[in-house]
Amino acid sequence: MNKLFNLIVALFVVAVMVTTNVIALSVSPNIQYEQTDDEVNNVSNVPLIFLGSSKYYDIIINKMREVSSDISSASLDDLSIKAMSNNSVILMDAAWVKTQDSSEVSDSLKVSLDKGAPLICIGEMSDIIKQTGYTMDYVGGCDFIVQGIKVFEGGQTAVYTGAGNIDDVDEVGEALSAAYSWALKWISNTIPECRVSSLTGPSSNPCLSSGAYWGWVHDWEFNSLDSLKPYGRTNIQNEYVYLYNDNTDIYDWYSVHFCQEAVPGKVAYDRGYYTMHMHTFIDADYGSHASDELIKRGPTTTSGTTTATVNIGVTLNQQGAGVTCGYSWSYAISDVAVEETGDLSLETGNWKHEIENGCAASRCTLDVYPGASIRVNQGGSIQPYESYANAFGYHGLWGWYVKSEHTYIHMPFILA
């Protein structure tokens, strides 16, 4: 009797569970998985406005729903109205843009950019952005999936590039998530502070007594994403600054704070690839900028040290400077040797960070921060030629071998 009773109870419980599952599925047919607390917290309520009709439309929308809870579409006519709040991100498909009147697109985008809305472009849209009066940084050496631009009231810009194969569904999804994360960092219309502050106190810093200071004018962020898989990733986040109140009507000064990151395959993909060396290069007088001069660069070549120091500020009465205003920083280089082979007569800086094979720095994420200062004629712009390469390799039978060393080219146009 007890066995029969237990069997009836068990069958009843199973029936209730099946019925509950059927009801749940009928009420929420689109639910594919249950979100974790981390996934819920990562969804932003910043409005995302989408323009375009792409073959990847479903992929784009589904991926964006993972990161944004407020997605809407817009036309060129109502884009500026929807983007009136600076708390909006615009996502536009370059393939669709090519089917539209370019002047109508640029006119609509200019209004939105002027209001401070970050723009993410799927594909190449540099020509359209140029028609708005702003400029995307030139990036070479890769195919890219997304570009981004944020404009501030004074004309300063932040730019983003995400590399990869635009025909690969997985890479498109990852690139969109990374670009949206970039855009969220630039939602505010407040111009950011420099990473390296020169305001250290009036008694110790001649910048303050003269009123001179280094002010932020441009930022470029680059992600190789999965384009180098499985060897590693290359990430770059450069800051460009301008010397204000320089007390001279002959020259202007710009400085570059490089941030180049190597993420070896051992970290990014749990594969047996290490970072072997990192290469950073700048040519200040490239092309039509023959009069631009690279006046300082750092760090210099190191040997047997654990810290690299960069000091690229200006000094009164040197190189035509009308003030003294420091701009310096340092970074750790344990198990890393810096080889600097630039040439001031050629206006170049050329750094190679050579990493000891198999050490902690080679198997973990590593950031390096060289820097350079450029002098231009009063009112001039800069457009340096820059290149970056991280060498990823492995330990084979007869030693260490480089497997991947991909070079990326970057040329920003900056006018303070």
Protein backbone atom coordinates (compact mmCIF):
# COMPACT_ATOMS: atom_id res chain seq x y z
CA MET A 1 0.00 0.00 0.00
CA ASN A 2 2.80 2.42 0.91
CA LYS A 3 4.62 1.65 -2.37
CA LEU A 4 1.48 2.43 -4.37
CA PHE A 5 1.00 5.70 -2.47
CA ASN A 6 4.62 6.78 -3.09
CA LEU A 7 4.28 5.99 -6.79
CA ILE A 8 1.14 8.13 -7.07
CA VAL A 9 2.86 11.07 -5.33
CA ALA A 10 5.91 10.81 -7.61
CA LEU A 11 3.74 10.79 -10.73
CA PHE A 12 1.85 13.83 -9.43
CA VAL A 13 5.09 15.81 -8.89
CA VAL A 14 6.34 14.98 -12.39
CA ALA A 15 3.02 16.09 -13.88
CA VAL A 16 3.16 19.42 -12.04
CA MET A 17 6.76 20.06 -13.22
CA VAL A 18 5.89 19.30 -16.86
CA THR A 19 2.78 21.49 -16.71
CA THR A 20 4.76 24.37 -15.18
CA ASN A 21 7.40 24.17 -17.91
CA VAL A 22 4.76 24.10 -20.66
CA ILE A 23 3.03 27.18 -19.20
CA ALA A 24 6.33 29.03 -18.90
CA LEU A 25 7.20 28.30 -22.51
CA SER A 26 3.80 29.39 -23.76
CA VAL A 27 4.01 32.71 -21.88
CA SER A 28 7.63 33.52 -22.89
CA PRO A 29 8.36 31.85 -26.23
CA ASN A 30 11.39 34.11 -26.99
CA ILE A 31 13.36 33.24 -23.89
CA GLN A 32 16.48 31.32 -24.90
CA TYR A 33 18.32 31.26 -21.60
CA GLU A 34 18.14 32.59 -18.10
CA GLN A 35 20.25 35.72 -17.53
CA THR A 36 22.69 35.72 -14.67
CA ASP A 37 22.98 38.65 -12.25
CA ASP A 38 26.17 39.79 -14.03
CA GLU A 39 24.44 39.77 -17.43
CA VAL A 40 21.51 41.78 -16.12
CA ASN A 41 23.81 44.34 -14.51
CA ASN A 42 25.78 44.72 -17.77
CA VAL A 43 22.70 45.88 -19.71
CA SER A 44 22.74 49.66 -20.11
CA ASN A 45 19.69 51.92 -20.22
CA VAL A 46 21.47 54.44 -22.45
CA PRO A 47 19.28 54.82 -25.58
CA LEU A 48 20.68 53.23 -28.74
CA ILE A 49 19.36 54.61 -32.05
CA PHE A 50 19.84 52.41 -35.13
CA LEU A 51 19.88 53.65 -38.73
CA GLY A 52 20.03 51.29 -41.64
CA SER A 53 18.83 48.05 -43.15
CA SER A 54 21.64 45.53 -43.06
CA LYS A 55 21.83 41.86 -43.99
CA TYR A 56 23.03 41.52 -40.41
CA TYR A 57 19.99 43.35 -39.02
CA ASP A 58 18.82 40.45 -36.82
CA ILE A 59 22.35 39.79 -35.58
CA ILE A 60 22.88 43.48 -34.81
CA ILE A 61 19.62 43.91 -32.93
CA ASN A 62 19.98 40.67 -30.96
CA LYS A 63 23.56 41.53 -29.97
CA MET A 64 22.60 45.06 -28.97
CA ARG A 65 19.75 43.75 -26.81
CA GLU A 66 22.39 41.98 -24.75
CA VAL A 67 23.96 45.33 -23.82
CA SER A 68 21.17 47.93 -24.15
CA SER A 69 17.62 47.91 -22.80
CA ASP A 70 16.51 50.89 -24.95
CA ILE A 71 16.86 50.29 -28.71
CA SER A 72 14.93 52.20 -31.34
CA SER A 73 15.19 52.84 -35.08
CA ALA A 74 15.24 56.22 -36.77
CA SER A 75 15.19 57.81 -40.19
CA LEU A 76 17.46 60.60 -41.41
CA ASP A 77 14.59 63.03 -40.88
CA ASP A 78 14.03 62.30 -37.20
CA LEU A 79 17.56 61.29 -36.16
CA SER A 80 18.51 64.69 -34.77
CA ILE A 81 15.27 64.85 -32.76
CA LYS A 82 15.81 61.42 -31.22
CA ALA A 83 19.45 62.23 -30.49
CA MET A 84 18.73 65.56 -28.79
CA SER A 85 19.83 64.07 -25.50
CA ASN A 86 23.57 63.60 -25.23
CA ASN A 87 22.74 60.32 -23.49
CA SER A 88 22.12 58.59 -26.80
CA VAL A 89 24.37 56.39 -28.92
CA ILE A 90 23.85 56.23 -32.70
CA LEU A 91 24.52 53.01 -34.62
CA MET A 92 24.66 53.29 -38.41
CA ASP A 93 25.23 50.73 -41.16
CA ALA A 94 27.72 51.86 -43.85
CA ALA A 95 26.27 49.49 -46.47
CA TRP A 96 22.89 51.17 -46.08
CA VAL A 97 24.45 54.64 -46.14
CA LYS A 98 25.85 53.93 -49.62
CA THR A 99 22.26 53.60 -50.90
CA GLN A 100 21.30 57.03 -49.56
CA ASP A 101 21.99 60.60 -50.65
CA SER A 102 25.37 61.35 -49.05
CA SER A 103 24.58 65.03 -48.43
CA GLU A 104 21.38 64.14 -46.59
CA VAL A 105 23.25 61.61 -44.47
CA SER A 106 26.08 64.02 -43.61
CA ASP A 107 23.67 66.85 -42.80
CA SER A 108 21.68 64.64 -40.43
CA LEU A 109 24.81 63.21 -38.81
CA LYS A 110 26.40 66.63 -38.30
CA VAL A 111 23.46 67.83 -36.22
CA SER A 112 23.67 64.74 -34.03
CA LEU A 113 27.47 64.84 -33.71
CA ASP A 114 27.35 68.52 -32.81
CA LYS A 115 25.01 67.61 -29.97
CA GLY A 116 27.59 65.18 -28.60
CA ALA A 117 26.02 61.83 -29.48
CA PRO A 118 28.68 59.11 -29.95
CA LEU A 119 28.38 57.48 -33.38
CA ILE A 120 29.22 53.84 -34.14
CA CYS A 121 29.59 52.93 -37.83
CA ILE A 122 29.38 49.34 -39.06
CA GLY A 123 31.90 49.37 -41.90
CA GLU A 124 33.79 52.21 -43.60
CA MET A 125 32.23 55.68 -43.29
CA SER A 126 35.24 58.02 -43.28
CA ASP A 127 34.11 59.88 -46.41
CA ILE A 128 30.67 60.61 -44.97
CA ILE A 129 32.15 61.77 -41.66
CA LYS A 130 34.51 64.08 -43.54
CA GLN A 131 31.49 65.77 -45.14
CA THR A 132 30.28 66.72 -41.66
CA GLY A 133 33.46 68.74 -41.12
CA TYR A 134 35.02 66.18 -38.77
CA THR A 135 37.65 63.54 -39.46
CA MET A 136 37.99 59.85 -38.70
CA ASP A 137 41.57 58.76 -38.03
CA TYR A 138 43.11 56.81 -40.89
CA VAL A 139 43.81 53.22 -39.87
CA GLY A 140 45.65 50.80 -42.16
CA GLY A 141 46.91 47.25 -42.06
CA CYS A 142 43.58 45.62 -41.27
CA ASP A 143 40.00 45.10 -42.27
CA PHE A 144 37.69 46.63 -39.74
CA ILE A 145 34.16 46.04 -38.64
CA VAL A 146 33.34 49.19 -36.71
CA GLN A 147 34.44 52.80 -36.40
CA GLY A 148 33.30 55.31 -33.81
CA ILE A 149 33.52 59.04 -33.24
CA LYS A 150 32.55 61.42 -30.44
CA VAL A 151 32.72 65.20 -30.90
CA PHE A 152 33.01 67.77 -28.13
CA GLU A 153 31.83 71.38 -28.21
CA GLY A 154 35.31 72.73 -28.89
CA GLY A 155 35.85 70.35 -31.81
CA GLN A 156 37.94 67.82 -29.88
CA THR A 157 37.27 64.23 -30.88
CA ALA A 158 37.55 60.67 -29.60
CA VAL A 159 37.77 57.94 -32.26
CA TYR A 160 37.42 54.15 -32.14
CA THR A 161 38.45 51.35 -34.51
CA GLY A 162 37.53 47.67 -34.15
CA ALA A 163 39.32 45.27 -36.53
CA GLY A 164 38.07 41.99 -37.89
CA ASN A 165 36.14 40.18 -40.60
CA ILE A 166 32.80 41.86 -41.24
CA ASP A 167 31.50 38.65 -42.86
CA ASP A 168 32.08 36.63 -39.69
CA VAL A 169 28.92 36.65 -37.57
CA ASP A 170 30.74 35.99 -34.30
CA GLU A 171 33.32 38.72 -34.93
CA VAL A 172 30.58 41.22 -35.83
CA GLY A 173 28.81 40.50 -32.57
CA GLU A 174 31.96 40.91 -30.50
CA ALA A 175 32.93 44.10 -32.34
CA LEU A 176 29.53 45.67 -31.73
CA SER A 177 29.69 44.95 -28.01
CA ALA A 178 33.20 46.42 -27.76
CA ALA A 179 32.20 49.53 -29.74
CA TYR A 180 29.13 50.10 -27.58
CA SER A 181 31.28 49.85 -24.45
CA TRP A 182 33.59 52.46 -25.99
CA ALA A 183 30.64 54.75 -26.74
CA LEU A 184 29.35 54.55 -23.17
CA LYS A 185 32.73 55.86 -21.93
CA TRP A 186 32.23 58.98 -24.06
CA ILE A 187 28.59 59.78 -23.27
CA SER A 188 29.44 62.84 -21.20
CA ASN A 189 30.06 66.16 -22.97
CA THR A 190 32.62 67.15 -20.35
CA ILE A 191 36.11 67.24 -21.86
CA PRO A 192 38.24 64.68 -19.99
CA GLU A 193 41.26 65.47 -17.89
CA CYS A 194 44.67 64.43 -19.20
CA ARG A 195 45.91 61.10 -17.93
CA VAL A 196 49.11 62.88 -16.92
CA SER A 197 48.28 65.98 -14.91
CA SER A 198 50.77 68.86 -14.87
CA LEU A 199 48.98 70.61 -12.01
CA THR A 200 51.15 69.60 -9.08
CA GLY A 201 51.14 72.85 -7.09
CA PRO A 202 52.17 76.47 -7.68
CA SER A 203 55.42 76.28 -5.71
CA SER A 204 56.78 73.27 -7.58
CA ASN A 205 55.30 73.68 -11.05
CA PRO A 206 56.13 76.66 -13.28
CA CYS A 207 53.14 75.73 -15.45
CA LEU A 208 50.80 77.23 -12.88
CA SER A 209 52.60 80.54 -12.48
CA SER A 210 52.62 81.01 -16.26
CA GLY A 211 49.09 79.68 -16.82
CA ALA A 212 50.39 77.08 -19.28
CA TYR A 213 48.93 73.58 -19.24
CA TRP A 214 48.61 70.47 -21.38
CA GLY A 215 44.96 70.01 -22.39
CA TRP A 216 43.26 66.98 -23.91
CA VAL A 217 42.39 67.31 -27.62
CA HIS A 218 42.07 63.78 -29.04
CA ASP A 219 41.83 60.09 -28.15
CA TRP A 220 42.18 57.02 -30.34
CA GLU A 221 41.22 53.53 -29.20
CA PHE A 222 41.90 50.42 -31.28
CA ASN A 223 41.01 46.76 -30.65
CA SER A 224 42.22 43.93 -32.86
CA LEU A 225 39.47 41.80 -31.29
CA ASP A 226 39.65 38.23 -32.71
CA SER A 227 41.42 39.16 -35.97
CA LEU A 228 44.72 37.73 -34.64
CA LYS A 229 43.20 34.65 -32.98
CA PRO A 230 44.65 32.40 -31.57
CA TYR A 231 47.98 34.23 -31.22
CA GLY A 232 46.82 37.22 -29.16
CA ARG A 233 45.30 40.67 -29.25
CA THR A 234 46.61 44.18 -29.85
CA ASN A 235 44.89 47.06 -28.10
CA ILE A 236 45.84 50.74 -28.32
CA GLN A 237 44.52 53.76 -26.46
CA ASN A 238 46.44 56.94 -27.28
CA GLU A 239 45.90 60.38 -25.81
CA TYR A 240 46.90 63.56 -27.66
CA VAL A 241 47.33 66.84 -25.79
CA TYR A 242 48.02 70.48 -26.68
CA LEU A 243 50.01 73.10 -24.78
CA TYR A 244 47.73 76.01 -23.93
CA ASN A 245 49.01 79.47 -22.96
CA ASP A 246 52.46 78.73 -24.38
CA ASN A 247 53.52 82.42 -24.35
CA THR A 248 54.73 82.47 -27.95
CA ASP A 249 53.15 83.45 -31.27
CA ILE A 250 55.67 81.47 -33.33
CA TYR A 251 55.09 77.82 -32.39
CA ASP A 252 52.52 75.42 -30.96
CA TRP A 253 53.18 72.11 -29.17
CA TYR A 254 51.37 68.79 -29.17
CA SER A 255 52.28 65.64 -27.24
CA VAL A 256 51.31 61.98 -27.62
CA HIS A 257 50.83 59.62 -24.68
CA PHE A 258 50.94 56.17 -26.28
CA CYS A 259 49.28 53.17 -24.62
CA GLN A 260 49.96 49.92 -26.45
CA GLU A 261 48.76 46.66 -25.01
CA ALA A 262 49.67 43.07 -25.85
CA VAL A 263 47.33 40.28 -24.74
CA PRO A 264 49.05 36.98 -25.58
CA GLY A 265 47.11 33.94 -26.75
CA LYS A 266 47.88 32.29 -23.42
CA VAL A 267 45.60 34.89 -21.79
CA ALA A 268 43.11 35.65 -24.56
CA TYR A 269 42.49 32.12 -25.83
CA ASP A 270 44.20 29.75 -23.39
CA ARG A 271 46.65 28.80 -26.13
CA GLY A 272 50.42 28.45 -25.92
CA TYR A 273 51.40 31.83 -27.38
CA TYR A 274 53.46 34.46 -25.56
CA THR A 275 54.33 38.10 -26.25
CA MET A 276 57.94 38.30 -27.49
CA HIS A 277 58.31 42.00 -28.31
CA MET A 278 56.27 45.16 -28.95
CA HIS A 279 57.10 47.79 -31.58
CA THR A 280 55.93 51.45 -31.57
CA PHE A 281 56.89 54.03 -34.21
CA ILE A 282 56.08 57.69 -34.97
CA ASP A 283 57.16 59.99 -37.82
CA ALA A 284 56.19 63.59 -37.01
CA ASP A 285 56.92 65.25 -40.39
CA TYR A 286 55.20 62.73 -42.63
CA GLY A 287 53.72 63.86 -45.96
CA SER A 288 52.59 67.47 -46.13
CA HIS A 289 53.71 68.15 -42.54
CA ALA A 290 57.38 68.56 -43.43
CA SER A 291 57.77 71.57 -41.11
CA ASP A 292 56.60 69.65 -38.00
CA GLU A 293 59.41 68.71 -35.63
CA LEU A 294 59.63 65.91 -33.09
CA ILE A 295 61.47 67.69 -30.28
CA LYS A 296 61.37 65.11 -27.48
CA ARG A 297 60.63 61.43 -27.09
CA GLY A 298 60.87 58.78 -24.40
CA PRO A 299 61.78 56.43 -22.94
CA THR A 300 65.37 56.09 -24.05
CA THR A 301 67.13 52.74 -24.35
CA THR A 302 67.20 50.89 -21.03
CA SER A 303 69.43 48.17 -19.61
CA GLY A 304 69.02 46.37 -16.31
CA THR A 305 66.25 48.63 -15.01
CA THR A 306 62.70 47.89 -13.90
CA THR A 307 61.23 51.32 -14.70
CA ALA A 308 61.02 53.34 -17.94
CA THR A 309 60.71 57.13 -17.65
CA VAL A 310 59.22 59.52 -20.20
CA ASN A 311 59.86 63.28 -19.94
CA ILE A 312 58.59 65.21 -22.97
CA GLY A 313 57.56 68.60 -21.55
CA VAL A 314 58.84 71.98 -22.78
CA THR A 315 61.48 74.18 -21.16
CA LEU A 316 61.68 77.96 -21.37
CA ASN A 317 64.05 79.19 -24.11
CA GLN A 318 64.62 75.68 -25.48
CA GLN A 319 63.32 74.80 -28.97
CA GLY A 320 61.60 78.19 -29.00
CA ALA A 321 59.46 77.53 -25.93
CA GLY A 322 58.07 80.57 -24.11
CA VAL A 323 57.29 78.68 -20.90
CA THR A 324 58.39 75.70 -18.86
CA CYS A 325 55.67 73.06 -18.54
CA GLY A 326 56.42 69.47 -17.60
CA TYR A 327 54.80 66.39 -19.08
CA SER A 328 56.23 63.13 -17.74
CA TRP A 329 55.39 59.67 -16.45
CA SER A 330 56.98 56.29 -15.81
CA TYR A 331 55.96 52.64 -16.16
CA ALA A 332 57.20 49.24 -15.03
CA ILE A 333 59.36 47.17 -17.38
CA SER A 334 60.36 44.17 -15.29
CA ASP A 335 61.93 41.54 -17.57
CA VAL A 336 61.60 44.00 -20.46
CA ALA A 337 64.41 45.85 -22.27
CA VAL A 338 63.63 49.04 -24.22
CA GLU A 339 65.51 49.63 -27.47
CA GLU A 340 64.98 53.18 -28.80
CA THR A 341 66.29 53.78 -32.32
CA GLY A 342 64.53 57.00 -33.31
CA ASP A 343 66.30 59.90 -35.01
CA LEU A 344 65.58 63.56 -34.22
CA SER A 345 67.04 64.59 -37.58
CA LEU A 346 64.33 62.47 -39.21
CA GLU A 347 61.66 63.51 -36.66
CA THR A 348 61.08 59.89 -35.63
CA GLY A 349 60.62 57.91 -32.45
CA ASN A 350 61.11 54.15 -32.65
CA TRP A 351 60.68 51.85 -29.66
CA LYS A 352 61.03 48.10 -29.32
CA HIS A 353 60.12 46.54 -25.99
CA GLU A 354 61.98 43.22 -25.97
CA ILE A 355 60.49 40.78 -23.46
CA GLU A 356 62.42 37.97 -21.80
CA ASN A 357 61.17 34.69 -23.25
CA GLY A 358 58.76 32.81 -21.01
CA CYS A 359 58.76 35.37 -18.18
CA ALA A 360 55.63 36.65 -16.42
CA ALA A 361 55.52 39.75 -18.64
CA SER A 362 55.45 37.54 -21.75
CA ARG A 363 52.60 35.30 -20.63
CA CYS A 364 50.40 38.05 -19.11
CA THR A 365 48.80 41.21 -20.47
CA LEU A 366 51.46 43.92 -20.89
CA ASP A 367 51.00 47.67 -21.41
CA VAL A 368 53.75 50.07 -22.55
CA TYR A 369 53.59 53.88 -22.60
CA PRO A 370 56.10 55.69 -24.82
CA GLY A 371 55.61 59.38 -25.60
CA ALA A 372 56.64 62.15 -28.00
CA SER A 373 56.27 65.95 -28.32
CA ILE A 374 55.81 67.69 -31.66
CA ARG A 375 56.41 71.38 -32.42
CA VAL A 376 54.44 73.01 -35.24
CA ASN A 377 54.18 76.51 -36.62
CA GLN A 378 51.65 78.73 -34.86
CA GLY A 379 48.12 77.58 -35.68
CA GLY A 380 49.33 74.37 -37.30
CA SER A 381 47.90 70.87 -37.07
CA ILE A 382 49.61 67.50 -36.68
CA GLN A 383 49.17 64.35 -38.72
CA PRO A 384 51.91 61.95 -37.63
CA TYR A 385 52.47 58.56 -39.19
CA GLU A 386 52.34 55.90 -36.48
CA SER A 387 52.75 52.13 -36.58
CA TYR A 388 52.26 49.40 -33.99
CA ALA A 389 53.09 45.69 -33.90
CA ASN A 390 53.04 43.03 -31.20
CA ALA A 391 55.01 39.83 -31.85
CA PHE A 392 53.35 36.70 -30.47
CA GLY A 393 55.27 33.43 -30.48
CA TYR A 394 55.77 30.02 -28.93
CA HIS A 395 58.47 27.78 -27.52
CA GLY A 396 59.37 25.06 -29.98
CA LEU A 397 61.82 22.19 -30.09
CA TRP A 398 64.86 24.36 -30.92
CA GLY A 399 63.91 27.60 -29.16
CA TRP A 400 61.46 30.50 -29.39
CA TYR A 401 59.72 31.41 -32.64
CA VAL A 402 57.57 34.40 -33.68
CA LYS A 403 54.26 33.20 -35.10
CA SER A 404 52.39 36.48 -35.62
CA GLU A 405 53.63 40.07 -35.90
CA HIS A 406 50.96 42.18 -37.54
CA THR A 407 51.56 45.90 -38.13
CA TYR A 408 48.81 48.50 -37.82
CA ILE A 409 49.09 52.01 -39.26
CA HIS A 410 47.48 55.07 -37.67
CA MET A 411 47.36 58.67 -38.93
CA PRO A 412 45.25 61.13 -36.92
CA PHE A 413 44.56 64.68 -38.06
CA ILE A 414 44.52 66.97 -35.03
CA LEU A 415 44.02 70.73 -34.89
CA ALA A 416 43.53 72.29 -31.47
